[in-house]
Amino acid sequence: MPVSLSFDSIEAFKALAIGIAAAGMVATGFEAMTERRASFTLLETGGARAVASVPLVVLTAPFIILRNTVRGRRKDRRRIGFVALATMIACLWGLACGRVILDMAIAILGS
């Protein structure tokens, strides 16, 4: 029996893929330009620098979560349940970011 996907499922998959890809590209670009890794510690600097880093951290959070999860599993031998939970959180965040990016692209470029 062939499997058919609904339009909503395809849209959600596109949003997820775009959100995670955008997070990786922005995080890698930040690292290339500043020679620092994008991480949640950017918010701990305080002052205007912390406020300015909020959009960067919000957009790159799925990549940061996945990177830290993989590193934690390899080095600290974290339990697979924790890895699965962190992956689900990163994917939900990536889905939300991707949906925002797609909505902005539609608004800018038109349908």
PDB file of N, CA and C in Angstrom:
ATOM      1  N   MET A   1       0.842  -1.169   0.000  1.00  0.00           N
ATOM      2  CA  MET A   1       0.000   0.000   0.000  1.00  0.00           C
ATOM      3  C   MET A   1       0.893   1.240   0.000  1.00  0.00           C
ATOM      4  N   PRO A   2       0.715   2.149  -0.966  1.00  0.00           N
ATOM      5  CA  PRO A   2       1.549   3.359  -1.009  1.00  0.00           C
ATOM      6  C   PRO A   2       1.186   4.318   0.122  1.00  0.00           C
ATOM      7  N   VAL A   3       2.164   5.025   0.580  1.00  0.00           N
ATOM      8  CA  VAL A   3       1.968   5.995   1.654  1.00  0.00           C
ATOM      9  C   VAL A   3       1.851   7.372   1.031  1.00  0.00           C
ATOM     10  N   SER A   4       0.824   8.083   1.394  1.00  0.00           N
ATOM     11  CA  SER A   4       0.667   9.441   0.888  1.00  0.00           C
ATOM     12  C   SER A   4       0.765  10.411   2.055  1.00  0.00           C
ATOM     13  N   LEU A   5       1.428  11.499   1.798  1.00  0.00           N
ATOM     14  CA  LEU A   5       1.589  12.530   2.815  1.00  0.00           C
ATOM     15  C   LEU A   5       0.638  13.680   2.521  1.00  0.00           C
ATOM     16  N   SER A   6       0.097  14.237   3.557  1.00  0.00           N
ATOM     17  CA  SER A   6      -0.774  15.391   3.380  1.00  0.00           C
ATOM     18  C   SER A   6       0.072  16.630   3.099  1.00  0.00           C
ATOM     19  N   PHE A   7      -0.583  17.637   2.586  1.00  0.00           N
ATOM     20  CA  PHE A   7       0.093  18.902   2.307  1.00  0.00           C
ATOM     21  C   PHE A   7       0.695  19.489   3.580  1.00  0.00           C
ATOM     22  N   ASP A   8      -0.029  19.397   4.685  1.00  0.00           N
ATOM     23  CA  ASP A   8       0.457  19.927   5.963  1.00  0.00           C
ATOM     24  C   ASP A   8       1.715  19.202   6.430  1.00  0.00           C
ATOM     25  N   SER A   9       1.775  17.899   6.214  1.00  0.00           N
ATOM     26  CA  SER A   9       2.960  17.130   6.604  1.00  0.00           C
ATOM     27  C   SER A   9       4.175  17.551   5.791  1.00  0.00           C
ATOM     28  N   ILE A  10       3.970  17.762   4.511  1.00  0.00           N
ATOM     29  CA  ILE A  10       5.072  18.196   3.645  1.00  0.00           C
ATOM     30  C   ILE A  10       5.540  19.589   4.048  1.00  0.00           C
ATOM     31  N   GLU A  11       4.604  20.480   4.338  1.00  0.00           N
ATOM     32  CA  GLU A  11       4.959  21.827   4.781  1.00  0.00           C
ATOM     33  C   GLU A  11       5.728  21.800   6.101  1.00  0.00           C
ATOM     34  N   ALA A  12       5.311  20.947   7.020  1.00  0.00           N
ATOM     35  CA  ALA A  12       6.009  20.838   8.303  1.00  0.00           C
ATOM     36  C   ALA A  12       7.425  20.307   8.095  1.00  0.00           C
ATOM     37  N   PHE A  13       7.588  19.313   7.222  1.00  0.00           N
ATOM     38  CA  PHE A  13       8.922  18.777   6.948  1.00  0.00           C
ATOM     39  C   PHE A  13       9.809  19.840   6.318  1.00  0.00           C
ATOM     40  N   LYS A  14       9.260  20.626   5.378  1.00  0.00           N
ATOM     41  CA  LYS A  14      10.042  21.707   4.771  1.00  0.00           C
ATOM     42  C   LYS A  14      10.453  22.733   5.818  1.00  0.00           C
ATOM     43  N   ALA A  15       9.534  23.096   6.703  1.00  0.00           N
ATOM     44  CA  ALA A  15       9.841  24.079   7.745  1.00  0.00           C
ATOM     45  C   ALA A  15      10.926  23.543   8.683  1.00  0.00           C
ATOM     46  N   LEU A  16      10.837  22.270   9.043  1.00  0.00           N
ATOM     47  CA  LEU A  16      11.849  21.667   9.905  1.00  0.00           C
ATOM     48  C   LEU A  16      13.214  21.686   9.239  1.00  0.00           C
ATOM     49  N   ALA A  17      13.272  21.266   7.998  1.00  0.00           N
ATOM     50  CA  ALA A  17      14.545  21.225   7.274  1.00  0.00           C
ATOM     51  C   ALA A  17      15.135  22.620   7.106  1.00  0.00           C
ATOM     52  N   ILE A  18      14.310  23.588   6.765  1.00  0.00           N
ATOM     53  CA  ILE A  18      14.792  24.953   6.584  1.00  0.00           C
ATOM     54  C   ILE A  18      15.234  25.542   7.916  1.00  0.00           C
ATOM     55  N   GLY A  19      14.497  25.286   8.976  1.00  0.00           N
ATOM     56  CA  GLY A  19      14.857  25.832  10.291  1.00  0.00           C
ATOM     57  C   GLY A  19      16.193  25.298  10.795  1.00  0.00           C
ATOM     58  N   ILE A  20      16.409  23.997  10.668  1.00  0.00           N
ATOM     59  CA  ILE A  20      17.666  23.427  11.150  1.00  0.00           C
ATOM     60  C   ILE A  20      18.827  23.831  10.238  1.00  0.00           C
ATOM     61  N   ALA A  21      18.582  23.873   8.930  1.00  0.00           N
ATOM     62  CA  ALA A  21      19.636  24.294   8.000  1.00  0.00           C
ATOM     63  C   ALA A  21      20.023  25.753   8.226  1.00  0.00           C
ATOM     64  N   ALA A  22      19.027  26.604   8.429  1.00  0.00           N
ATOM     65  CA  ALA A  22      19.314  28.014   8.688  1.00  0.00           C
ATOM     66  C   ALA A  22      20.072  28.185   9.994  1.00  0.00           C
ATOM     67  N   ALA A  23      19.703  27.424  11.009  1.00  0.00           N
ATOM     68  CA  ALA A  23      20.408  27.506  12.297  1.00  0.00           C
ATOM     69  C   ALA A  23      21.874  27.122  12.122  1.00  0.00           C
ATOM     70  N   GLY A  24      22.131  26.067  11.376  1.00  0.00           N
ATOM     71  CA  GLY A  24      23.513  25.641  11.138  1.00  0.00           C
ATOM     72  C   GLY A  24      24.296  26.648  10.329  1.00  0.00           C
ATOM     73  N   MET A  25      23.669  27.221   9.306  1.00  0.00           N
ATOM     74  CA  MET A  25      24.369  28.203   8.475  1.00  0.00           C
ATOM     75  C   MET A  25      24.699  29.465   9.255  1.00  0.00           C
ATOM     76  N   VAL A  26      23.752  29.953  10.034  1.00  0.00           N
ATOM     77  CA  VAL A  26      23.993  31.177  10.806  1.00  0.00           C
ATOM     78  C   VAL A  26      25.051  30.931  11.885  1.00  0.00           C
ATOM     79  N   ALA A  27      24.979  29.786  12.572  1.00  0.00           N
ATOM     80  CA  ALA A  27      25.968  29.470  13.610  1.00  0.00           C
ATOM     81  C   ALA A  27      27.367  29.331  13.004  1.00  0.00           C
ATOM     82  N   THR A  28      27.457  28.681  11.854  1.00  0.00           N
ATOM     83  CA  THR A  28      28.755  28.528  11.197  1.00  0.00           C
ATOM     84  C   THR A  28      29.279  29.862  10.697  1.00  0.00           C
ATOM     85  N   GLY A  29      28.400  30.693  10.160  1.00  0.00           N
ATOM     86  CA  GLY A  29      28.809  32.030   9.729  1.00  0.00           C
ATOM     87  C   GLY A  29      29.277  32.887  10.892  1.00  0.00           C
ATOM     88  N   PHE A  30      28.577  32.794  12.022  1.00  0.00           N
ATOM     89  CA  PHE A  30      28.996  33.528  13.210  1.00  0.00           C
ATOM     90  C   PHE A  30      30.378  33.082  13.654  1.00  0.00           C
ATOM     91  N   GLU A  31      30.600  31.779  13.652  1.00  0.00           N
ATOM     92  CA  GLU A  31      31.907  31.254  14.058  1.00  0.00           C
ATOM     93  C   GLU A  31      33.000  31.695  13.090  1.00  0.00           C
ATOM     94  N   ALA A  32      32.708  31.724  11.803  1.00  0.00           N
ATOM     95  CA  ALA A  32      33.698  32.138  10.813  1.00  0.00           C
ATOM     96  C   ALA A  32      34.052  33.616  10.950  1.00  0.00           C
ATOM     97  N   MET A  33      33.053  34.439  11.292  1.00  0.00           N
ATOM     98  CA  MET A  33      33.314  35.878  11.373  1.00  0.00           C
ATOM     99  C   MET A  33      33.923  36.298  12.700  1.00  0.00           C
ATOM    100  N   THR A  34      33.580  35.623  13.784  1.00  0.00           N
ATOM    101  CA  THR A  34      34.035  36.065  15.097  1.00  0.00           C
ATOM    102  C   THR A  34      35.071  35.156  15.741  1.00  0.00           C
ATOM    103  N   GLU A  35      35.304  33.988  15.150  1.00  0.00           N
ATOM    104  CA  GLU A  35      36.210  32.989  15.716  1.00  0.00           C
ATOM    105  C   GLU A  35      35.773  32.553  17.115  1.00  0.00           C
ATOM    106  N   ARG A  36      34.470  32.617  17.392  1.00  0.00           N
ATOM    107  CA  ARG A  36      33.850  32.124  18.629  1.00  0.00           C
ATOM    108  C   ARG A  36      32.706  31.232  18.246  1.00  0.00           C
ATOM    109  N   ARG A  37      32.426  30.247  19.071  1.00  0.00           N
ATOM    110  CA  ARG A  37      31.280  29.381  18.814  1.00  0.00           C
ATOM    111  C   ARG A  37      30.008  30.051  19.282  1.00  0.00           C
ATOM    112  N   ALA A  38      28.968  29.870  18.503  1.00  0.00           N
ATOM    113  CA  ALA A  38      27.654  30.326  18.943  1.00  0.00           C
ATOM    114  C   ALA A  38      27.201  29.404  20.072  1.00  0.00           C
ATOM    115  N   SER A  39      26.817  29.986  21.191  1.00  0.00           N
ATOM    116  CA  SER A  39      26.373  29.187  22.328  1.00  0.00           C
ATOM    117  C   SER A  39      25.454  30.038  23.202  1.00  0.00           C
ATOM    118  N   PHE A  40      24.823  29.359  24.140  1.00  0.00           N
ATOM    119  CA  PHE A  40      23.932  30.061  25.049  1.00  0.00           C
ATOM    120  C   PHE A  40      24.692  30.969  26.012  1.00  0.00           C
ATOM    121  N   THR A  41      25.994  30.788  26.154  1.00  0.00           N
ATOM    122  CA  THR A  41      26.784  31.646  27.037  1.00  0.00           C
ATOM    123  C   THR A  41      26.907  33.070  26.500  1.00  0.00           C
ATOM    124  N   LEU A  42      26.542  33.291  25.243  1.00  0.00           N
ATOM    125  CA  LEU A  42      26.540  34.658  24.711  1.00  0.00           C
ATOM    126  C   LEU A  42      25.564  35.541  25.477  1.00  0.00           C
ATOM    127  N   LEU A  43      24.550  34.927  26.055  1.00  0.00           N
ATOM    128  CA  LEU A  43      23.554  35.688  26.811  1.00  0.00           C
ATOM    129  C   LEU A  43      24.046  36.075  28.199  1.00  0.00           C
ATOM    130  N   GLU A  44      25.131  35.463  28.647  1.00  0.00           N
ATOM    131  CA  GLU A  44      25.653  35.731  29.985  1.00  0.00           C
ATOM    132  C   GLU A  44      26.634  36.896  30.031  1.00  0.00           C
ATOM    133  N   THR A  45      26.951  37.499  28.879  1.00  0.00           N
ATOM    134  CA  THR A  45      27.922  38.583  28.854  1.00  0.00           C
ATOM    135  C   THR A  45      27.394  39.842  29.522  1.00  0.00           C
ATOM    136  N   GLY A  46      26.082  40.040  29.498  1.00  0.00           N
ATOM    137  CA  GLY A  46      25.468  41.191  30.145  1.00  0.00           C
ATOM    138  C   GLY A  46      25.479  42.422  29.263  1.00  0.00           C
ATOM    139  N   GLY A  47      24.627  43.335  29.575  1.00  0.00           N
ATOM    140  CA  GLY A  47      24.577  44.611  28.880  1.00  0.00           C
ATOM    141  C   GLY A  47      24.040  44.517  27.467  1.00  0.00           C
ATOM    142  N   ALA A  48      24.467  45.477  26.655  1.00  0.00           N
ATOM    143  CA  ALA A  48      23.979  45.576  25.281  1.00  0.00           C
ATOM    144  C   ALA A  48      24.421  44.380  24.433  1.00  0.00           C
ATOM    145  N   ARG A  49      25.569  43.836  24.724  1.00  0.00           N
ATOM    146  CA  ARG A  49      26.059  42.683  23.965  1.00  0.00           C
ATOM    147  C   ARG A  49      25.133  41.480  24.142  1.00  0.00           C
ATOM    148  N   ALA A  50      24.643  41.274  25.341  1.00  0.00           N
ATOM    149  CA  ALA A  50      23.724  40.161  25.589  1.00  0.00           C
ATOM    150  C   ALA A  50      22.398  40.391  24.878  1.00  0.00           C
ATOM    151  N   VAL A  51      21.907  41.614  24.907  1.00  0.00           N
ATOM    152  CA  VAL A  51      20.650  41.927  24.237  1.00  0.00           C
ATOM    153  C   VAL A  51      20.798  41.762  22.724  1.00  0.00           C
ATOM    154  N   ALA A  52      21.928  42.183  22.186  1.00  0.00           N
ATOM    155  CA  ALA A  52      22.162  42.061  20.747  1.00  0.00           C
ATOM    156  C   ALA A  52      22.319  40.610  20.315  1.00  0.00           C
ATOM    157  N   SER A  53      22.727  39.738  21.214  1.00  0.00           N
ATOM    158  CA  SER A  53      22.927  38.342  20.841  1.00  0.00           C
ATOM    159  C   SER A  53      21.658  37.498  20.944  1.00  0.00           C
ATOM    160  N   VAL A  54      20.583  38.056  21.460  1.00  0.00           N
ATOM    161  CA  VAL A  54      19.334  37.292  21.605  1.00  0.00           C
ATOM    162  C   VAL A  54      18.819  36.777  20.257  1.00  0.00           C
ATOM    163  N   PRO A  55      18.703  37.607  19.202  1.00  0.00           N
ATOM    164  CA  PRO A  55      18.225  37.055  17.924  1.00  0.00           C
ATOM    165  C   PRO A  55      19.137  35.955  17.373  1.00  0.00           C
ATOM    166  N   LEU A  56      20.431  36.107  17.547  1.00  0.00           N
ATOM    167  CA  LEU A  56      21.369  35.084  17.082  1.00  0.00           C
ATOM    168  C   LEU A  56      21.147  33.776  17.825  1.00  0.00           C
ATOM    169  N   VAL A  57      21.022  33.836  19.118  1.00  0.00           N
ATOM    170  CA  VAL A  57      20.831  32.619  19.914  1.00  0.00           C
ATOM    171  C   VAL A  57      19.474  31.980  19.624  1.00  0.00           C
ATOM    172  N   VAL A  58      18.441  32.787  19.447  1.00  0.00           N
ATOM    173  CA  VAL A  58      17.116  32.244  19.136  1.00  0.00           C
ATOM    174  C   VAL A  58      17.143  31.506  17.806  1.00  0.00           C
ATOM    175  N   LEU A  59      17.795  32.072  16.804  1.00  0.00           N
ATOM    176  CA  LEU A  59      17.836  31.439  15.487  1.00  0.00           C
ATOM    177  C   LEU A  59      18.748  30.213  15.459  1.00  0.00           C
ATOM    178  N   THR A  60      19.847  30.246  16.184  1.00  0.00           N
ATOM    179  CA  THR A  60      20.812  29.141  16.135  1.00  0.00           C
ATOM    180  C   THR A  60      20.588  28.084  17.211  1.00  0.00           C
ATOM    181  N   ALA A  61      19.587  28.258  18.041  1.00  0.00           N
ATOM    182  CA  ALA A  61      19.357  27.324  19.152  1.00  0.00           C
ATOM    183  C   ALA A  61      19.216  25.864  18.720  1.00  0.00           C
ATOM    184  N   PRO A  62      18.501  25.531  17.643  1.00  0.00           N
ATOM    185  CA  PRO A  62      18.424  24.110  17.277  1.00  0.00           C
ATOM    186  C   PRO A  62      19.797  23.502  16.996  1.00  0.00           C
ATOM    187  N   PHE A  63      20.639  24.244  16.308  1.00  0.00           N
ATOM    188  CA  PHE A  63      21.997  23.764  16.015  1.00  0.00           C
ATOM    189  C   PHE A  63      22.810  23.620  17.288  1.00  0.00           C
ATOM    190  N   ILE A  64      22.708  24.614  18.176  1.00  0.00           N
ATOM    191  CA  ILE A  64      23.467  24.571  19.427  1.00  0.00           C
ATOM    192  C   ILE A  64      23.029  23.378  20.273  1.00  0.00           C
ATOM    193  N   ILE A  65      21.726  23.161  20.375  1.00  0.00           N
ATOM    194  CA  ILE A  65      21.218  22.037  21.171  1.00  0.00           C
ATOM    195  C   ILE A  65      21.693  20.714  20.598  1.00  0.00           C
ATOM    196  N   LEU A  66      21.576  20.541  19.288  1.00  0.00           N
ATOM    197  CA  LEU A  66      22.007  19.286  18.669  1.00  0.00           C
ATOM    198  C   LEU A  66      23.512  19.079  18.803  1.00  0.00           C
ATOM    199  N   ARG A  67      24.293  20.139  18.620  1.00  0.00           N
ATOM    200  CA  ARG A  67      25.751  20.030  18.758  1.00  0.00           C
ATOM    201  C   ARG A  67      26.137  19.640  20.182  1.00  0.00           C
ATOM    202  N   ASN A  68      25.525  20.284  21.156  1.00  0.00           N
ATOM    203  CA  ASN A  68      25.835  19.968  22.546  1.00  0.00           C
ATOM    204  C   ASN A  68      25.367  18.574  22.930  1.00  0.00           C
ATOM    205  N   THR A  69      24.254  18.143  22.354  1.00  0.00           N
ATOM    206  CA  THR A  69      23.732  16.805  22.643  1.00  0.00           C
ATOM    207  C   THR A  69      24.663  15.727  22.108  1.00  0.00           C
ATOM    208  N   VAL A  70      25.108  15.883  20.875  1.00  0.00           N
ATOM    209  CA  VAL A  70      26.032  14.903  20.288  1.00  0.00           C
ATOM    210  C   VAL A  70      27.338  14.876  21.069  1.00  0.00           C
ATOM    211  N   ARG A  71      27.840  16.044  21.414  1.00  0.00           N
ATOM    212  CA  ARG A  71      29.086  16.117  22.187  1.00  0.00           C
ATOM    213  C   ARG A  71      28.910  15.490  23.567  1.00  0.00           C
ATOM    214  N   GLY A  72      27.789  15.745  24.215  1.00  0.00           N
ATOM    215  CA  GLY A  72      27.526  15.172  25.531  1.00  0.00           C
ATOM    216  C   GLY A  72      27.383  13.664  25.482  1.00  0.00           C
ATOM    217  N   ARG A  73      26.793  13.152  24.416  1.00  0.00           N
ATOM    218  CA  ARG A  73      26.642  11.696  24.289  1.00  0.00           C
ATOM    219  C   ARG A  73      28.001  11.034  24.102  1.00  0.00           C
ATOM    220  N   ARG A  74      28.865  11.661  23.302  1.00  0.00           N
ATOM    221  CA  ARG A  74      30.189  11.077  23.041  1.00  0.00           C
ATOM    222  C   ARG A  74      31.112  11.166  24.247  1.00  0.00           C
ATOM    223  N   LYS A  75      31.189  12.332  24.848  1.00  0.00           N
ATOM    224  CA  LYS A  75      32.159  12.547  25.926  1.00  0.00           C
ATOM    225  C   LYS A  75      31.644  12.120  27.293  1.00  0.00           C
ATOM    226  N   ASP A  76      30.427  12.520  27.624  1.00  0.00           N
ATOM    227  CA  ASP A  76      29.901  12.282  28.965  1.00  0.00           C
ATOM    228  C   ASP A  76      29.054  11.023  29.063  1.00  0.00           C
ATOM    229  N   ARG A  77      28.848  10.356  27.934  1.00  0.00           N
ATOM    230  CA  ARG A  77      28.041   9.132  27.894  1.00  0.00           C
ATOM    231  C   ARG A  77      26.654   9.364  28.479  1.00  0.00           C
ATOM    232  N   ARG A  78      26.019  10.459  28.054  1.00  0.00           N
ATOM    233  CA  ARG A  78      24.671  10.752  28.536  1.00  0.00           C
ATOM    234  C   ARG A  78      23.706   9.671  28.084  1.00  0.00           C
ATOM    235  N   ARG A  79      22.658   9.482  28.867  1.00  0.00           N
ATOM    236  CA  ARG A  79      21.661   8.447  28.563  1.00  0.00           C
ATOM    237  C   ARG A  79      20.906   8.786  27.280  1.00  0.00           C
ATOM    238  N   ILE A  80      20.470   7.744  26.600  1.00  0.00           N
ATOM    239  CA  ILE A  80      19.788   7.913  25.327  1.00  0.00           C
ATOM    240  C   ILE A  80      18.454   8.632  25.488  1.00  0.00           C
ATOM    241  N   GLY A  81      17.810   8.502  26.632  1.00  0.00           N
ATOM    242  CA  GLY A  81      16.555   9.221  26.881  1.00  0.00           C
ATOM    243  C   GLY A  81      16.759  10.726  26.867  1.00  0.00           C
ATOM    244  N   PHE A  82      17.860  11.165  27.474  1.00  0.00           N
ATOM    245  CA  PHE A  82      18.191  12.585  27.467  1.00  0.00           C
ATOM    246  C   PHE A  82      18.480  13.051  26.048  1.00  0.00           C
ATOM    247  N   VAL A  83      19.201  12.257  25.294  1.00  0.00           N
ATOM    248  CA  VAL A  83      19.533  12.603  23.913  1.00  0.00           C
ATOM    249  C   VAL A  83      18.256  12.715  23.071  1.00  0.00           C
ATOM    250  N   ALA A  84      17.328  11.781  23.261  1.00  0.00           N
ATOM    251  CA  ALA A  84      16.073  11.816  22.519  1.00  0.00           C
ATOM    252  C   ALA A  84      15.254  13.053  22.875  1.00  0.00           C
ATOM    253  N   LEU A  85      15.183  13.387  24.150  1.00  0.00           N
ATOM    254  CA  LEU A  85      14.438  14.567  24.581  1.00  0.00           C
ATOM    255  C   LEU A  85      15.054  15.843  24.010  1.00  0.00           C
ATOM    256  N   ALA A  86      16.367  15.968  24.080  1.00  0.00           N
ATOM    257  CA  ALA A  86      17.048  17.149  23.553  1.00  0.00           C
ATOM    258  C   ALA A  86      16.849  17.257  22.035  1.00  0.00           C
ATOM    259  N   THR A  87      16.849  16.126  21.340  1.00  0.00           N
ATOM    260  CA  THR A  87      16.633  16.128  19.900  1.00  0.00           C
ATOM    261  C   THR A  87      15.213  16.574  19.564  1.00  0.00           C
ATOM    262  N   MET A  88      14.237  16.124  20.344  1.00  0.00           N
ATOM    263  CA  MET A  88      12.859  16.554  20.113  1.00  0.00           C
ATOM    264  C   MET A  88      12.707  18.056  20.340  1.00  0.00           C
ATOM    265  N   ILE A  89      13.333  18.569  21.384  1.00  0.00           N
ATOM    266  CA  ILE A  89      13.263  20.012  21.662  1.00  0.00           C
ATOM    267  C   ILE A  89      13.905  20.797  20.527  1.00  0.00           C
ATOM    268  N   ALA A  90      15.066  20.349  20.065  1.00  0.00           N
ATOM    269  CA  ALA A  90      15.756  21.029  18.965  1.00  0.00           C
ATOM    270  C   ALA A  90      14.915  20.991  17.693  1.00  0.00           C
ATOM    271  N   CYS A  91      14.277  19.866  17.423  1.00  0.00           N
ATOM    272  CA  CYS A  91      13.454  19.754  16.219  1.00  0.00           C
ATOM    273  C   CYS A  91      12.213  20.640  16.303  1.00  0.00           C
ATOM    274  N   LEU A  92      11.586  20.717  17.466  1.00  0.00           N
ATOM    275  CA  LEU A  92      10.435  21.607  17.615  1.00  0.00           C
ATOM    276  C   LEU A  92      10.843  23.070  17.444  1.00  0.00           C
ATOM    277  N   TRP A  93      11.992  23.414  18.008  1.00  0.00           N
ATOM    278  CA  TRP A  93      12.496  24.780  17.867  1.00  0.00           C
ATOM    279  C   TRP A  93      12.845  25.057  16.406  1.00  0.00           C
ATOM    280  N   GLY A  94      13.473  24.090  15.738  1.00  0.00           N
ATOM    281  CA  GLY A  94      13.793  24.241  14.324  1.00  0.00           C
ATOM    282  C   GLY A  94      12.547  24.363  13.474  1.00  0.00           C
ATOM    283  N   LEU A  95      11.499  23.622  13.814  1.00  0.00           N
ATOM    284  CA  LEU A  95      10.225  23.701  13.101  1.00  0.00           C
ATOM    285  C   LEU A  95       9.643  25.106  13.230  1.00  0.00           C
ATOM    286  N   ALA A  96       9.684  25.659  14.428  1.00  0.00           N
ATOM    287  CA  ALA A  96       9.159  27.010  14.645  1.00  0.00           C
ATOM    288  C   ALA A  96       9.977  28.052  13.884  1.00  0.00           C
ATOM    289  N   CYS A  97      11.294  27.940  13.933  1.00  0.00           N
ATOM    290  CA  CYS A  97      12.157  28.879  13.207  1.00  0.00           C
ATOM    291  C   CYS A  97      11.943  28.769  11.700  1.00  0.00           C
ATOM    292  N   GLY A  98      11.843  27.546  11.215  1.00  0.00           N
ATOM    293  CA  GLY A  98      11.614  27.339   9.794  1.00  0.00           C
ATOM    294  C   GLY A  98      10.280  27.899   9.337  1.00  0.00           C
ATOM    295  N   ARG A  99       9.249  27.748  10.178  1.00  0.00           N
ATOM    296  CA  ARG A  99       7.936  28.295   9.824  1.00  0.00           C
ATOM    297  C   ARG A  99       8.002  29.815   9.730  1.00  0.00           C
ATOM    298  N   VAL A 100       8.728  30.446  10.662  1.00  0.00           N
ATOM    299  CA  VAL A 100       8.880  31.903  10.632  1.00  0.00           C
ATOM    300  C   VAL A 100       9.635  32.317   9.373  1.00  0.00           C
ATOM    301  N   ILE A 101      10.699  31.611   9.041  1.00  0.00           N
ATOM    302  CA  ILE A 101      11.488  31.930   7.845  1.00  0.00           C
ATOM    303  C   ILE A 101      10.630  31.775   6.590  1.00  0.00           C
ATOM    304  N   LEU A 102       9.866  30.685   6.488  1.00  0.00           N
ATOM    305  CA  LEU A 102       9.005  30.496   5.328  1.00  0.00           C
ATOM    306  C   LEU A 102       7.927  31.574   5.241  1.00  0.00           C
ATOM    307  N   ASP A 103       7.332  31.936   6.369  1.00  0.00           N
ATOM    308  CA  ASP A 103       6.311  32.984   6.366  1.00  0.00           C
ATOM    309  C   ASP A 103       6.905  34.327   5.952  1.00  0.00           C
ATOM    310  N   MET A 104       8.120  34.626   6.412  1.00  0.00           N
ATOM    311  CA  MET A 104       8.783  35.871   6.008  1.00  0.00           C
ATOM    312  C   MET A 104       9.098  35.847   4.526  1.00  0.00           C
ATOM    313  N   ALA A 105       9.553  34.719   4.006  1.00  0.00           N
ATOM    314  CA  ALA A 105       9.858  34.613   2.576  1.00  0.00           C
ATOM    315  C   ALA A 105       8.601  34.802   1.740  1.00  0.00           C
ATOM    316  N   ILE A 106       7.485  34.230   2.169  1.00  0.00           N
ATOM    317  CA  ILE A 106       6.226  34.406   1.441  1.00  0.00           C
ATOM    318  C   ILE A 106       5.768  35.855   1.492  1.00  0.00           C
ATOM    319  N   ALA A 107       5.931  36.490   2.641  1.00  0.00           N
ATOM    320  CA  ALA A 107       5.509  37.887   2.779  1.00  0.00           C
ATOM    321  C   ALA A 107       6.371  38.810   1.906  1.00  0.00           C
ATOM    322  N   ILE A 108       7.665  38.501   1.820  1.00  0.00           N
ATOM    323  CA  ILE A 108       8.572  39.345   1.037  1.00  0.00           C
ATOM    324  C   ILE A 108       8.423  39.095  -0.448  1.00  0.00           C
ATOM    325  N   LEU A 109       8.415  37.830  -0.826  1.00  0.00           N
ATOM    326  CA  LEU A 109       8.405  37.465  -2.243  1.00  0.00           C
ATOM    327  C   LEU A 109       7.000  37.340  -2.822  1.00  0.00           C
ATOM    328  N   GLY A 110       6.018  37.293  -1.971  1.00  0.00           N
ATOM    329  CA  GLY A 110       4.647  37.056  -2.429  1.00  0.00           C
ATOM    330  C   GLY A 110       4.439  35.566  -2.629  1.00  0.00           C
ATOM    331  N   SER A 111       3.258  35.168  -2.893  1.00  0.00           N
ATOM    332  CA  SER A 111       2.979  33.733  -3.049  1.00  0.00           C
ATOM    333  C   SER A 111       3.356  33.324  -4.433  1.00  0.00           C
TER     334      SER A 111
END
